[in-house]
Amino acid sequence: SNELLNAGAEAYRKGDYVTAQEYYTQAAKLGNVQAMCN
């Protein structure tokens, strides 16, 4: 979940919000609270 969160954050920083959303959703499904917040 942390790997997915970090990948999402990297995509977000690059302006690729669709990819960021996909990574955050996967991380949130694994229980990552920060990903759910993001």
PDB file of all heavy atoms in Angstrom:
ATOM      1  N   SER A   1       0.827  -1.208   0.000  1.00  0.00           N
ATOM      2  CA  SER A   1       0.000   0.000   0.000  1.00  0.00           C
ATOM      3  C   SER A   1       0.861   1.259   0.000  1.00  0.00           C
ATOM      4  O   SER A   1       0.517   2.262  -0.643  1.00  0.00           O
ATOM      5  CB  SER A   1      -0.979   0.011   1.176  1.00  0.00           C
ATOM      6  OG  SER A   1      -0.338   0.301   2.398  1.00  0.00           O
ATOM      7  N   ASN A   2       1.997   1.207   0.694  1.00  0.00           N
ATOM      8  CA  ASN A   2       2.904   2.358   0.692  1.00  0.00           C
ATOM      9  C   ASN A   2       3.568   2.555  -0.667  1.00  0.00           C
ATOM     10  O   ASN A   2       3.781   3.690  -1.098  1.00  0.00           O
ATOM     11  CB  ASN A   2       3.945   2.235   1.800  1.00  0.00           C
ATOM     12  CG  ASN A   2       3.403   2.660   3.137  1.00  0.00           C
ATOM     13  OD1 ASN A   2       2.503   3.486   3.226  1.00  0.00           O
ATOM     14  ND2 ASN A   2       3.936   2.084   4.195  1.00  0.00           N
ATOM     15  N   GLU A   3       3.893   1.460  -1.331  1.00  0.00           N
ATOM     16  CA  GLU A   3       4.457   1.563  -2.684  1.00  0.00           C
ATOM     17  C   GLU A   3       3.445   2.200  -3.633  1.00  0.00           C
ATOM     18  O   GLU A   3       3.794   3.059  -4.449  1.00  0.00           O
ATOM     19  CB  GLU A   3       4.868   0.179  -3.188  1.00  0.00           C
ATOM     20  CG  GLU A   3       6.070  -0.398  -2.492  1.00  0.00           C
ATOM     21  CD  GLU A   3       6.324  -1.858  -2.831  1.00  0.00           C
ATOM     22  OE1 GLU A   3       5.643  -2.421  -3.732  1.00  0.00           O
ATOM     23  OE2 GLU A   3       7.213  -2.457  -2.183  1.00  0.00           O
ATOM     24  N   LEU A   4       2.191   1.764  -3.525  1.00  0.00           N
ATOM     25  CA  LEU A   4       1.133   2.338  -4.363  1.00  0.00           C
ATOM     26  C   LEU A   4       0.898   3.806  -4.033  1.00  0.00           C
ATOM     27  O   LEU A   4       0.704   4.632  -4.930  1.00  0.00           O
ATOM     28  CB  LEU A   4      -0.163   1.534  -4.200  1.00  0.00           C
ATOM     29  CG  LEU A   4      -0.123   0.120  -4.768  1.00  0.00           C
ATOM     30  CD1 LEU A   4      -1.285  -0.706  -4.225  1.00  0.00           C
ATOM     31  CD2 LEU A   4      -0.149   0.149  -6.295  1.00  0.00           C
ATOM     32  N   LEU A   5       0.917   4.134  -2.742  1.00  0.00           N
ATOM     33  CA  LEU A   5       0.765   5.537  -2.317  1.00  0.00           C
ATOM     34  C   LEU A   5       1.868   6.398  -2.922  1.00  0.00           C
ATOM     35  O   LEU A   5       1.601   7.476  -3.475  1.00  0.00           O
ATOM     36  CB  LEU A   5       0.805   5.632  -0.798  1.00  0.00           C
ATOM     37  CG  LEU A   5       0.833   7.046  -0.206  1.00  0.00           C
ATOM     38  CD1 LEU A   5      -0.472   7.775  -0.474  1.00  0.00           C
ATOM     39  CD2 LEU A   5       1.137   6.985   1.285  1.00  0.00           C
ATOM     40  N   ASN A   6       3.094   5.921  -2.849  1.00  0.00           N
ATOM     41  CA  ASN A   6       4.224   6.681  -3.396  1.00  0.00           C
ATOM     42  C   ASN A   6       4.137   6.819  -4.910  1.00  0.00           C
ATOM     43  O   ASN A   6       4.439   7.883  -5.458  1.00  0.00           O
ATOM     44  CB  ASN A   6       5.547   6.039  -2.979  1.00  0.00           C
ATOM     45  CG  ASN A   6       5.816   6.191  -1.498  1.00  0.00           C
ATOM     46  OD1 ASN A   6       5.331   7.120  -0.867  1.00  0.00           O
ATOM     47  ND2 ASN A   6       6.576   5.269  -0.938  1.00  0.00           N
ATOM     48  N   ALA A   7       3.705   5.759  -5.585  1.00  0.00           N
ATOM     49  CA  ALA A   7       3.534   5.828  -7.044  1.00  0.00           C
ATOM     50  C   ALA A   7       2.435   6.837  -7.383  1.00  0.00           C
ATOM     51  O   ALA A   7       2.557   7.600  -8.345  1.00  0.00           O
ATOM     52  CB  ALA A   7       3.203   4.451  -7.606  1.00  0.00           C
ATOM     53  N   GLY A   8       1.378   6.847  -6.598  1.00  0.00           N
ATOM     54  CA  GLY A   8       0.303   7.817  -6.805  1.00  0.00           C
ATOM     55  C   GLY A   8       0.783   9.237  -6.595  1.00  0.00           C
ATOM     56  O   GLY A   8       0.449  10.145  -7.363  1.00  0.00           O
ATOM     57  N   ALA A   9       1.570   9.441  -5.562  1.00  0.00           N
ATOM     58  CA  ALA A   9       2.097  10.779  -5.279  1.00  0.00           C
ATOM     59  C   ALA A   9       3.011  11.257  -6.409  1.00  0.00           C
ATOM     60  O   ALA A   9       2.967  12.434  -6.797  1.00  0.00           O
ATOM     61  CB  ALA A   9       2.848  10.774  -3.947  1.00  0.00           C
ATOM     62  N   GLU A  10       3.811  10.349  -6.947  1.00  0.00           N
ATOM     63  CA  GLU A  10       4.690  10.709  -8.061  1.00  0.00           C
ATOM     64  C   GLU A  10       3.864  11.101  -9.286  1.00  0.00           C
ATOM     65  O   GLU A  10       4.153  12.099  -9.958  1.00  0.00           O
ATOM     66  CB  GLU A  10       5.628   9.538  -8.387  1.00  0.00           C
ATOM     67  CG  GLU A  10       6.605   9.828  -9.497  1.00  0.00           C
ATOM     68  CD  GLU A  10       7.600  10.932  -9.169  1.00  0.00           C
ATOM     69  OE1 GLU A  10       7.920  11.144  -7.993  1.00  0.00           O
ATOM     70  OE2 GLU A  10       8.047  11.601 -10.133  1.00  0.00           O
ATOM     71  N   ALA A  11       2.838  10.316  -9.582  1.00  0.00           N
ATOM     72  CA  ALA A  11       1.966  10.640 -10.724  1.00  0.00           C
ATOM     73  C   ALA A  11       1.260  11.973 -10.491  1.00  0.00           C
ATOM     74  O   ALA A  11       1.139  12.783 -11.414  1.00  0.00           O
ATOM     75  CB  ALA A  11       0.939   9.522 -10.933  1.00  0.00           C
ATOM     76  N   TYR A  12       0.823  12.222  -9.270  1.00  0.00           N
ATOM     77  CA  TYR A  12       0.144  13.477  -8.942  1.00  0.00           C
ATOM     78  C   TYR A  12       1.075  14.664  -9.178  1.00  0.00           C
ATOM     79  O   TYR A  12       0.681  15.666  -9.774  1.00  0.00           O
ATOM     80  CB  TYR A  12      -0.333  13.445  -7.483  1.00  0.00           C
ATOM     81  CG  TYR A  12      -1.292  14.541  -7.129  1.00  0.00           C
ATOM     82  CD1 TYR A  12      -2.664  14.325  -7.184  1.00  0.00           C
ATOM     83  CD2 TYR A  12      -0.844  15.794  -6.728  1.00  0.00           C
ATOM     84  CE1 TYR A  12      -3.563  15.333  -6.853  1.00  0.00           C
ATOM     85  CE2 TYR A  12      -1.723  16.799  -6.398  1.00  0.00           C
ATOM     86  CZ  TYR A  12      -3.089  16.560  -6.467  1.00  0.00           C
ATOM     87  OH  TYR A  12      -3.968  17.577  -6.138  1.00  0.00           O
ATOM     88  N   ARG A  13       2.311  14.540  -8.703  1.00  0.00           N
ATOM     89  CA  ARG A  13       3.289  15.627  -8.884  1.00  0.00           C
ATOM     90  C   ARG A  13       3.534  15.930 -10.362  1.00  0.00           C
ATOM     91  O   ARG A  13       3.814  17.066 -10.733  1.00  0.00           O
ATOM     92  CB  ARG A  13       4.611  15.283  -8.203  1.00  0.00           C
ATOM     93  CG  ARG A  13       4.614  15.509  -6.714  1.00  0.00           C
ATOM     94  CD  ARG A  13       6.007  15.401  -6.111  1.00  0.00           C
ATOM     95  NE  ARG A  13       6.554  14.053  -6.137  1.00  0.00           N
ATOM     96  CZ  ARG A  13       6.292  13.111  -5.240  1.00  0.00           C
ATOM     97  NH1 ARG A  13       5.490  13.362  -4.240  1.00  0.00           N
ATOM     98  NH2 ARG A  13       6.850  11.925  -5.347  1.00  0.00           N
ATOM     99  N   LYS A  14       3.413  14.898 -11.201  1.00  0.00           N
ATOM    100  CA  LYS A  14       3.614  15.076 -12.644  1.00  0.00           C
ATOM    101  C   LYS A  14       2.342  15.564 -13.349  1.00  0.00           C
ATOM    102  O   LYS A  14       2.357  15.790 -14.559  1.00  0.00           O
ATOM    103  CB  LYS A  14       4.062  13.752 -13.277  1.00  0.00           C
ATOM    104  CG  LYS A  14       5.449  13.324 -12.851  1.00  0.00           C
ATOM    105  CD  LYS A  14       5.817  11.990 -13.474  1.00  0.00           C
ATOM    106  CE  LYS A  14       7.227  11.584 -13.058  1.00  0.00           C
ATOM    107  NZ  LYS A  14       7.579  10.271 -13.597  1.00  0.00           N
ATOM    108  N   GLY A  15       1.262  15.692 -12.595  1.00  0.00           N
ATOM    109  CA  GLY A  15       0.007  16.158 -13.184  1.00  0.00           C
ATOM    110  C   GLY A  15      -0.816  15.054 -13.823  1.00  0.00           C
ATOM    111  O   GLY A  15      -1.815  15.326 -14.485  1.00  0.00           O
ATOM    112  N   ASP A  16      -0.425  13.808 -13.623  1.00  0.00           N
ATOM    113  CA  ASP A  16      -1.169  12.665 -14.157  1.00  0.00           C
ATOM    114  C   ASP A  16      -2.156  12.198 -13.086  1.00  0.00           C
ATOM    115  O   ASP A  16      -1.940  11.203 -12.400  1.00  0.00           O
ATOM    116  CB  ASP A  16      -0.201  11.549 -14.547  1.00  0.00           C
ATOM    117  CG  ASP A  16      -0.892  10.378 -15.232  1.00  0.00           C
ATOM    118  OD1 ASP A  16      -2.142  10.372 -15.323  1.00  0.00           O
ATOM    119  OD2 ASP A  16      -0.174   9.459 -15.662  1.00  0.00           O
ATOM    120  N   TYR A  17      -3.256  12.937 -12.963  1.00  0.00           N
ATOM    121  CA  TYR A  17      -4.203  12.708 -11.886  1.00  0.00           C
ATOM    122  C   TYR A  17      -4.998  11.415 -12.040  1.00  0.00           C
ATOM    123  O   TYR A  17      -5.368  10.803 -11.050  1.00  0.00           O
ATOM    124  CB  TYR A  17      -5.142  13.903 -11.749  1.00  0.00           C
ATOM    125  CG  TYR A  17      -4.395  15.198 -11.533  1.00  0.00           C
ATOM    126  CD1 TYR A  17      -4.520  16.259 -12.410  1.00  0.00           C
ATOM    127  CD2 TYR A  17      -3.542  15.347 -10.438  1.00  0.00           C
ATOM    128  CE1 TYR A  17      -3.825  17.440 -12.209  1.00  0.00           C
ATOM    129  CE2 TYR A  17      -2.834  16.514 -10.228  1.00  0.00           C
ATOM    130  CZ  TYR A  17      -2.986  17.568 -11.121  1.00  0.00           C
ATOM    131  OH  TYR A  17      -2.291  18.728 -10.916  1.00  0.00           O
ATOM    132  N   VAL A  18      -5.229  10.986 -13.274  1.00  0.00           N
ATOM    133  CA  VAL A  18      -5.951   9.725 -13.496  1.00  0.00           C
ATOM    134  C   VAL A  18      -5.132   8.555 -12.947  1.00  0.00           C
ATOM    135  O   VAL A  18      -5.646   7.694 -12.225  1.00  0.00           O
ATOM    136  CB  VAL A  18      -6.292   9.531 -14.985  1.00  0.00           C
ATOM    137  CG1 VAL A  18      -6.838   8.141 -15.243  1.00  0.00           C
ATOM    138  CG2 VAL A  18      -7.284  10.592 -15.452  1.00  0.00           C
ATOM    139  N   THR A  19      -3.850   8.545 -13.268  1.00  0.00           N
ATOM    140  CA  THR A  19      -2.977   7.484 -12.753  1.00  0.00           C
ATOM    141  C   THR A  19      -2.850   7.582 -11.236  1.00  0.00           C
ATOM    142  O   THR A  19      -2.901   6.562 -10.541  1.00  0.00           O
ATOM    143  CB  THR A  19      -1.591   7.558 -13.427  1.00  0.00           C
ATOM    144  OG1 THR A  19      -1.766   7.387 -14.840  1.00  0.00           O
ATOM    145  CG2 THR A  19      -0.651   6.489 -12.891  1.00  0.00           C
ATOM    146  N   ALA A  20      -2.724   8.780 -10.729  1.00  0.00           N
ATOM    147  CA  ALA A  20      -2.641   8.973  -9.279  1.00  0.00           C
ATOM    148  C   ALA A  20      -3.886   8.409  -8.604  1.00  0.00           C
ATOM    149  O   ALA A  20      -3.790   7.695  -7.597  1.00  0.00           O
ATOM    150  CB  ALA A  20      -2.478  10.449  -8.949  1.00  0.00           C
ATOM    151  N   GLN A  21      -5.045   8.700  -9.168  1.00  0.00           N
ATOM    152  CA  GLN A  21      -6.293   8.204  -8.600  1.00  0.00           C
ATOM    153  C   GLN A  21      -6.319   6.669  -8.590  1.00  0.00           C
ATOM    154  O   GLN A  21      -6.749   6.055  -7.612  1.00  0.00           O
ATOM    155  CB  GLN A  21      -7.483   8.752  -9.382  1.00  0.00           C
ATOM    156  CG  GLN A  21      -8.823   8.322  -8.835  1.00  0.00           C
ATOM    157  CD  GLN A  21      -9.972   8.923  -9.618  1.00  0.00           C
ATOM    158  OE1 GLN A  21      -9.795   9.453 -10.713  1.00  0.00           O
ATOM    159  NE2 GLN A  21     -11.153   8.844  -9.061  1.00  0.00           N
ATOM    160  N   GLU A  22      -5.842   6.069  -9.658  1.00  0.00           N
ATOM    161  CA  GLU A  22      -5.807   4.602  -9.732  1.00  0.00           C
ATOM    162  C   GLU A  22      -4.910   4.017  -8.641  1.00  0.00           C
ATOM    163  O   GLU A  22      -5.292   3.070  -7.949  1.00  0.00           O
ATOM    164  CB  GLU A  22      -5.325   4.156 -11.108  1.00  0.00           C
ATOM    165  CG  GLU A  22      -6.316   4.439 -12.218  1.00  0.00           C
ATOM    166  CD  GLU A  22      -5.745   4.221 -13.609  1.00  0.00           C
ATOM    167  OE1 GLU A  22      -4.588   3.757 -13.734  1.00  0.00           O
ATOM    168  OE2 GLU A  22      -6.462   4.515 -14.579  1.00  0.00           O
ATOM    169  N   TYR A  23      -3.720   4.594  -8.464  1.00  0.00           N
ATOM    170  CA  TYR A  23      -2.805   4.104  -7.429  1.00  0.00           C
ATOM    171  C   TYR A  23      -3.386   4.341  -6.032  1.00  0.00           C
ATOM    172  O   TYR A  23      -3.320   3.462  -5.167  1.00  0.00           O
ATOM    173  CB  TYR A  23      -1.438   4.772  -7.536  1.00  0.00           C
ATOM    174  CG  TYR A  23      -0.557   4.215  -8.625  1.00  0.00           C
ATOM    175  CD1 TYR A  23      -0.019   5.049  -9.595  1.00  0.00           C
ATOM    176  CD2 TYR A  23      -0.230   2.861  -8.673  1.00  0.00           C
ATOM    177  CE1 TYR A  23       0.809   4.551 -10.598  1.00  0.00           C
ATOM    178  CE2 TYR A  23       0.603   2.349  -9.666  1.00  0.00           C
ATOM    179  CZ  TYR A  23       1.108   3.205 -10.626  1.00  0.00           C
ATOM    180  OH  TYR A  23       1.938   2.692 -11.600  1.00  0.00           O
ATOM    181  N   TYR A  24      -3.929   5.521  -5.803  1.00  0.00           N
ATOM    182  CA  TYR A  24      -4.503   5.820  -4.491  1.00  0.00           C
ATOM    183  C   TYR A  24      -5.668   4.877  -4.176  1.00  0.00           C
ATOM    184  O   TYR A  24      -5.812   4.431  -3.040  1.00  0.00           O
ATOM    185  CB  TYR A  24      -4.989   7.265  -4.414  1.00  0.00           C
ATOM    186  CG  TYR A  24      -3.905   8.319  -4.410  1.00  0.00           C
ATOM    187  CD1 TYR A  24      -4.153   9.587  -4.899  1.00  0.00           C
ATOM    188  CD2 TYR A  24      -2.634   8.063  -3.905  1.00  0.00           C
ATOM    189  CE1 TYR A  24      -3.184  10.578  -4.892  1.00  0.00           C
ATOM    190  CE2 TYR A  24      -1.649   9.035  -3.897  1.00  0.00           C
ATOM    191  CZ  TYR A  24      -1.930  10.290  -4.391  1.00  0.00           C
ATOM    192  OH  TYR A  24      -0.966  11.263  -4.376  1.00  0.00           O
ATOM    193  N   THR A  25      -6.479   4.587  -5.171  1.00  0.00           N
ATOM    194  CA  THR A  25      -7.615   3.681  -4.961  1.00  0.00           C
ATOM    195  C   THR A  25      -7.122   2.292  -4.559  1.00  0.00           C
ATOM    196  O   THR A  25      -7.642   1.682  -3.617  1.00  0.00           O
ATOM    197  CB  THR A  25      -8.489   3.603  -6.226  1.00  0.00           C
ATOM    198  OG1 THR A  25      -9.009   4.913  -6.511  1.00  0.00           O
ATOM    199  CG2 THR A  25      -9.643   2.637  -6.050  1.00  0.00           C
ATOM    200  N   GLN A  26      -6.103   1.796  -5.250  1.00  0.00           N
ATOM    201  CA  GLN A  26      -5.544   0.479  -4.914  1.00  0.00           C
ATOM    202  C   GLN A  26      -4.961   0.474  -3.502  1.00  0.00           C
ATOM    203  O   GLN A  26      -5.167  -0.478  -2.740  1.00  0.00           O
ATOM    204  CB  GLN A  26      -4.467   0.089  -5.927  1.00  0.00           C
ATOM    205  CG  GLN A  26      -4.990  -0.205  -7.314  1.00  0.00           C
ATOM    206  CD  GLN A  26      -3.850  -0.461  -8.284  1.00  0.00           C
ATOM    207  OE1 GLN A  26      -2.885  -1.150  -7.966  1.00  0.00           O
ATOM    208  NE2 GLN A  26      -3.954   0.099  -9.478  1.00  0.00           N
ATOM    209  N   ALA A  27      -4.230   1.540  -3.170  1.00  0.00           N
ATOM    210  CA  ALA A  27      -3.626   1.626  -1.839  1.00  0.00           C
ATOM    211  C   ALA A  27      -4.694   1.731  -0.756  1.00  0.00           C
ATOM    212  O   ALA A  27      -4.581   1.107   0.308  1.00  0.00           O
ATOM    213  CB  ALA A  27      -2.682   2.822  -1.768  1.00  0.00           C
ATOM    214  N   ALA A  28      -5.742   2.504  -1.028  1.00  0.00           N
ATOM    215  CA  ALA A  28      -6.827   2.653  -0.053  1.00  0.00           C
ATOM    216  C   ALA A  28      -7.528   1.319   0.188  1.00  0.00           C
ATOM    217  O   ALA A  28      -7.908   1.002   1.324  1.00  0.00           O
ATOM    218  CB  ALA A  28      -7.821   3.710  -0.529  1.00  0.00           C
ATOM    219  N   LYS A  29      -7.695   0.525  -0.861  1.00  0.00           N
ATOM    220  CA  LYS A  29      -8.317  -0.802  -0.708  1.00  0.00           C
ATOM    221  C   LYS A  29      -7.481  -1.713   0.187  1.00  0.00           C
ATOM    222  O   LYS A  29      -8.014  -2.635   0.801  1.00  0.00           O
ATOM    223  CB  LYS A  29      -8.535  -1.449  -2.072  1.00  0.00           C
ATOM    224  CG  LYS A  29      -9.683  -0.839  -2.837  1.00  0.00           C
ATOM    225  CD  LYS A  29      -9.864  -1.502  -4.186  1.00  0.00           C
ATOM    226  CE  LYS A  29     -11.001  -0.853  -4.953  1.00  0.00           C
ATOM    227  NZ  LYS A  29     -11.175  -1.426  -6.298  1.00  0.00           N
ATOM    228  N   LEU A  30      -6.187  -1.435   0.262  1.00  0.00           N
ATOM    229  CA  LEU A  30      -5.304  -2.208   1.144  1.00  0.00           C
ATOM    230  C   LEU A  30      -5.231  -1.592   2.541  1.00  0.00           C
ATOM    231  O   LEU A  30      -4.465  -2.047   3.384  1.00  0.00           O
ATOM    232  CB  LEU A  30      -3.897  -2.298   0.537  1.00  0.00           C
ATOM    233  CG  LEU A  30      -3.779  -3.122  -0.739  1.00  0.00           C
ATOM    234  CD1 LEU A  30      -2.375  -2.994  -1.328  1.00  0.00           C
ATOM    235  CD2 LEU A  30      -4.121  -4.581  -0.466  1.00  0.00           C
ATOM    236  N   GLY A  31      -6.029  -0.543   2.770  1.00  0.00           N
ATOM    237  CA  GLY A  31      -6.105   0.056   4.097  1.00  0.00           C
ATOM    238  C   GLY A  31      -5.212   1.256   4.334  1.00  0.00           C
ATOM    239  O   GLY A  31      -5.047   1.683   5.470  1.00  0.00           O
ATOM    240  N   ASN A  32      -4.635   1.811   3.276  1.00  0.00           N
ATOM    241  CA  ASN A  32      -3.744   2.959   3.440  1.00  0.00           C
ATOM    242  C   ASN A  32      -4.572   4.229   3.664  1.00  0.00           C
ATOM    243  O   ASN A  32      -5.261   4.703   2.756  1.00  0.00           O
ATOM    244  CB  ASN A  32      -2.847   3.104   2.212  1.00  0.00           C
ATOM    245  CG  ASN A  32      -1.739   4.098   2.437  1.00  0.00           C
ATOM    246  OD1 ASN A  32      -1.995   5.266   2.641  1.00  0.00           O
ATOM    247  ND2 ASN A  32      -0.499   3.623   2.407  1.00  0.00           N
ATOM    248  N   VAL A  33      -4.498   4.761   4.863  1.00  0.00           N
ATOM    249  CA  VAL A  33      -5.312   5.911   5.267  1.00  0.00           C
ATOM    250  C   VAL A  33      -4.915   7.166   4.494  1.00  0.00           C
ATOM    251  O   VAL A  33      -5.778   7.937   4.069  1.00  0.00           O
ATOM    252  CB  VAL A  33      -5.201   6.139   6.796  1.00  0.00           C
ATOM    253  CG1 VAL A  33      -5.952   7.383   7.211  1.00  0.00           C
ATOM    254  CG2 VAL A  33      -5.716   4.922   7.544  1.00  0.00           C
ATOM    255  N   GLN A  34      -3.626   7.388   4.284  1.00  0.00           N
ATOM    256  CA  GLN A  34      -3.188   8.577   3.549  1.00  0.00           C
ATOM    257  C   GLN A  34      -3.673   8.524   2.114  1.00  0.00           C
ATOM    258  O   GLN A  34      -4.048   9.550   1.544  1.00  0.00           O
ATOM    259  CB  GLN A  34      -1.663   8.729   3.594  1.00  0.00           C
ATOM    260  CG  GLN A  34      -1.168  10.017   2.945  1.00  0.00           C
ATOM    261  CD  GLN A  34      -1.705  11.262   3.637  1.00  0.00           C
ATOM    262  OE1 GLN A  34      -1.583  11.408   4.849  1.00  0.00           O
ATOM    263  NE2 GLN A  34      -2.300  12.174   2.876  1.00  0.00           N
ATOM    264  N   ALA A  35      -3.684   7.352   1.513  1.00  0.00           N
ATOM    265  CA  ALA A  35      -4.189   7.221   0.146  1.00  0.00           C
ATOM    266  C   ALA A  35      -5.664   7.587   0.088  1.00  0.00           C
ATOM    267  O   ALA A  35      -6.109   8.251  -0.853  1.00  0.00           O
ATOM    268  CB  ALA A  35      -3.978   5.797  -0.362  1.00  0.00           C
ATOM    269  N   MET A  36      -6.437   7.183   1.091  1.00  0.00           N
ATOM    270  CA  MET A  36      -7.858   7.533   1.133  1.00  0.00           C
ATOM    271  C   MET A  36      -8.014   9.045   1.255  1.00  0.00           C
ATOM    272  O   MET A  36      -8.862   9.649   0.587  1.00  0.00           O
ATOM    273  CB  MET A  36      -8.545   6.821   2.298  1.00  0.00           C
ATOM    274  CG  MET A  36     -10.032   7.063   2.361  1.00  0.00           C
ATOM    275  SD  MET A  36     -10.954   6.524   0.894  1.00  0.00           S
ATOM    276  CE  MET A  36     -10.996   4.762   1.156  1.00  0.00           C
ATOM    277  N   CYS A  37      -7.194   9.661   2.062  1.00  0.00           N
ATOM    278  CA  CYS A  37      -7.221  11.116   2.212  1.00  0.00           C
ATOM    279  C   CYS A  37      -6.854  11.789   0.884  1.00  0.00           C
ATOM    280  O   CYS A  37      -7.508  12.749   0.460  1.00  0.00           O
ATOM    281  CB  CYS A  37      -6.267  11.532   3.323  1.00  0.00           C
ATOM    282  SG  CYS A  37      -6.365  13.269   3.780  1.00  0.00           S
ATOM    283  N   ASN A  38      -5.837  11.282   0.216  1.00  0.00           N
ATOM    284  CA  ASN A  38      -5.419  11.852  -1.061  1.00  0.00           C
ATOM    285  C   ASN A  38      -6.512  11.721  -2.121  1.00  0.00           C
ATOM    286  O   ASN A  38      -6.680  12.614  -2.958  1.00  0.00           O
ATOM    287  CB  ASN A  38      -4.128  11.198  -1.545  1.00  0.00           C
ATOM    288  CG  ASN A  38      -2.932  11.581  -0.701  1.00  0.00           C
ATOM    289  OD1 ASN A  38      -3.046  12.322   0.270  1.00  0.00           O
ATOM    290  ND2 ASN A  38      -1.779  11.050  -1.040  1.00  0.00           N
TER     291      ASN A  38
END
